[in-house]
Protein backbone atom coordinates (compact mmCIF):
# COMPACT_ATOMS: atom_id res chain seq x y z
CA MET A 1 0.00 0.00 0.00
CA LYS A 2 1.21 3.50 -0.78
CA ARG A 3 1.09 6.35 1.72
CA THR A 4 1.28 10.05 0.91
CA LEU A 5 3.62 11.85 3.31
CA LEU A 6 4.75 15.43 3.75
CA ASN A 7 8.01 15.86 1.87
CA THR A 8 8.88 19.54 2.20
CA LYS A 9 7.40 22.67 3.68
CA ILE A 10 8.24 26.37 3.29
CA HIS A 11 6.75 27.73 6.50
CA ARG A 12 5.11 31.16 6.93
CA ALA A 13 6.26 32.76 3.69
CA THR A 14 4.90 36.20 2.81
CA VAL A 15 3.13 36.66 -0.54
CA THR A 16 5.03 39.30 -2.53
CA GLY A 17 2.89 39.34 -5.67
CA ALA A 18 -0.51 38.27 -7.00
CA GLU A 19 -1.25 38.31 -10.74
CA LEU A 20 -4.71 37.16 -11.76
CA ASN A 21 -4.21 37.36 -15.54
CA TYR A 22 -1.53 34.70 -15.77
CA ILE A 23 -1.80 31.09 -16.90
CA GLY A 24 -1.31 29.82 -13.34
CA SER A 25 1.34 28.70 -10.86
CA VAL A 26 3.30 30.15 -7.98
CA ALA A 27 6.72 31.72 -8.54
CA ILE A 28 9.06 30.94 -5.65
CA ASP A 29 12.54 32.33 -5.01
CA ALA A 30 14.81 29.75 -6.70
CA GLN A 31 17.04 29.60 -3.63
CA LEU A 32 14.04 28.67 -1.46
CA MET A 33 13.01 26.05 -3.99
CA LYS A 34 16.49 24.53 -3.95
CA GLU A 35 16.67 24.38 -0.15
CA ALA A 36 13.13 22.96 0.06
CA ASN A 37 13.90 20.44 -2.70
CA ILE A 38 11.05 21.71 -4.89
CA LEU A 39 11.52 21.29 -8.64
CA PRO A 40 10.21 23.62 -11.35
CA PHE A 41 6.72 22.47 -12.40
CA GLU A 42 6.37 20.29 -9.28
CA LYS A 43 2.89 20.17 -7.75
CA VAL A 44 2.64 22.19 -4.54
CA GLU A 45 -0.13 22.74 -2.03
CA ILE A 46 -0.51 26.25 -0.64
CA VAL A 47 -2.32 27.15 2.58
CA ASN A 48 -3.15 30.80 3.22
CA ILE A 49 -2.90 31.37 6.97
CA ASN A 50 -4.76 34.70 6.73
CA ASN A 51 -7.97 33.38 5.19
CA GLY A 52 -7.79 29.58 5.39
CA HIS A 53 -7.84 28.96 1.63
CA ARG A 54 -5.97 25.89 0.44
CA TRP A 55 -5.16 25.09 -3.20
CA GLU A 56 -2.84 23.15 -5.48
CA THR A 57 -0.75 24.52 -8.31
CA TYR A 58 2.78 24.08 -9.66
CA ALA A 59 6.01 25.85 -8.78
CA LEU A 60 8.08 28.06 -11.06
CA GLU A 61 11.46 29.57 -10.20
CA ALA A 62 11.71 33.27 -9.39
CA GLU A 63 14.98 35.21 -9.14
CA PRO A 64 17.34 33.56 -6.60
CA GLY A 65 17.62 35.56 -3.38
CA SER A 66 14.65 37.78 -4.32
CA GLY A 67 12.35 36.44 -1.60
CA ALA A 68 9.60 36.24 -4.23
CA ILE A 69 6.41 34.30 -3.51
CA GLU A 70 4.07 35.31 -6.34
CA VAL A 71 0.68 33.63 -6.71
CA ARG A 72 -0.66 33.63 -10.23
CA GLY A 73 -3.83 32.82 -12.11
CA GLY A 74 -6.76 31.64 -10.01
CA GLY A 75 -4.54 31.53 -6.92
CA ALA A 76 -4.45 35.34 -7.03
CA ARG A 77 -8.09 35.26 -5.89
CA LEU A 78 -7.04 33.22 -2.84
CA ALA A 79 -4.09 35.28 -1.60
CA GLN A 80 -3.09 38.94 -1.48
CA VAL A 81 0.29 40.62 -1.16
CA GLY A 82 1.28 40.44 2.50
CA ASP A 83 -0.64 37.23 3.29
CA ILE A 84 1.26 34.50 5.12
CA VAL A 85 1.30 31.10 3.39
CA ILE A 86 2.65 27.61 3.85
CA ILE A 87 3.90 25.84 0.71
CA MET A 88 4.11 22.05 0.85
CA THR A 89 5.02 19.09 -1.32
CA TYR A 90 4.18 15.46 -0.70
CA VAL A 91 5.66 12.15 -1.75
CA GLU A 92 4.04 8.75 -2.26
CA ILE A 93 5.94 5.95 -0.58
CA GLU A 94 5.26 2.24 -0.63
CA GLU A 95 4.90 0.67 2.81
CA PRO A 96 6.85 -0.14 4.86
CA ILE A 97 7.90 3.50 5.23
CA PRO A 98 11.68 3.92 5.48
CA ALA A 99 12.54 4.80 9.07
CA PRO A 100 12.99 7.44 10.10
CA TRP A 101 10.91 9.54 7.69
CA GLN A 102 12.12 13.15 7.77
CA PRO A 103 10.26 15.91 5.96
CA ARG A 104 12.26 19.10 5.38
CA LEU A 105 10.97 22.32 6.92
CA VAL A 106 12.34 25.60 5.57
CA MET A 107 11.57 28.43 7.98
CA VAL A 108 11.64 31.96 6.54
CA ASN A 109 11.56 35.46 7.99
CA GLU A 110 9.24 38.30 6.96
CA ARG A 111 11.39 38.94 3.84
CA ASN A 112 11.22 35.25 2.84
CA GLN A 113 14.88 34.77 3.61
CA ILE A 114 15.78 31.41 5.15
CA SER A 115 16.05 31.60 8.93
CA GLU A 116 16.34 27.87 9.65
CA ILE A 117 16.18 24.49 7.92
CA LEU A 118 14.97 21.49 9.88
CA ASP A 119 14.83 17.84 8.88
CA LEU A 120 12.03 16.58 11.09
CA GLU A 121 11.21 13.15 12.40
CA GLY A 122 8.61 11.61 14.67
CA LYS A 123 7.67 13.38 17.91
CA ALA A 124 10.10 16.24 17.22
CA ALA A 125 8.13 17.01 14.05
CA SER A 126 4.80 17.02 15.91
CA PHE A 127 6.19 19.37 18.54
CA LEU A 128 7.76 21.80 16.06
CA PHE A 129 4.69 21.94 13.82
CA SER A 130 2.57 22.80 16.86
CA LEU A 131 4.72 25.89 17.54
CA HIS A 132 3.47 27.85 14.53
């Protein structure tokens, strides 16, 4: 049986742009994508902490070091500049799950610059996710 597990998470990023008249996607600072192990065109789930909206789209690279988090297309109706979002990817893994499973959490500051990178496992992950 396959299980879908959290793979990576960019935690509490600030939306820097919203463009409705675009084909779709979210542009993410390429440096953040690299550290979070997110590939261009990879499916991502976005959760808007400000309004509770949750949606799926795909990631595109923005200028490295820019701090850009730009929602595009229909996603621009779900987030505004200044909103705080969580961007996640998942992975399907055949059971038994390799132990220990460690999703990567990329913490960012208010300018979307990396403040900490954590590889989480087990109870430590539950505790850390409960902090924010």
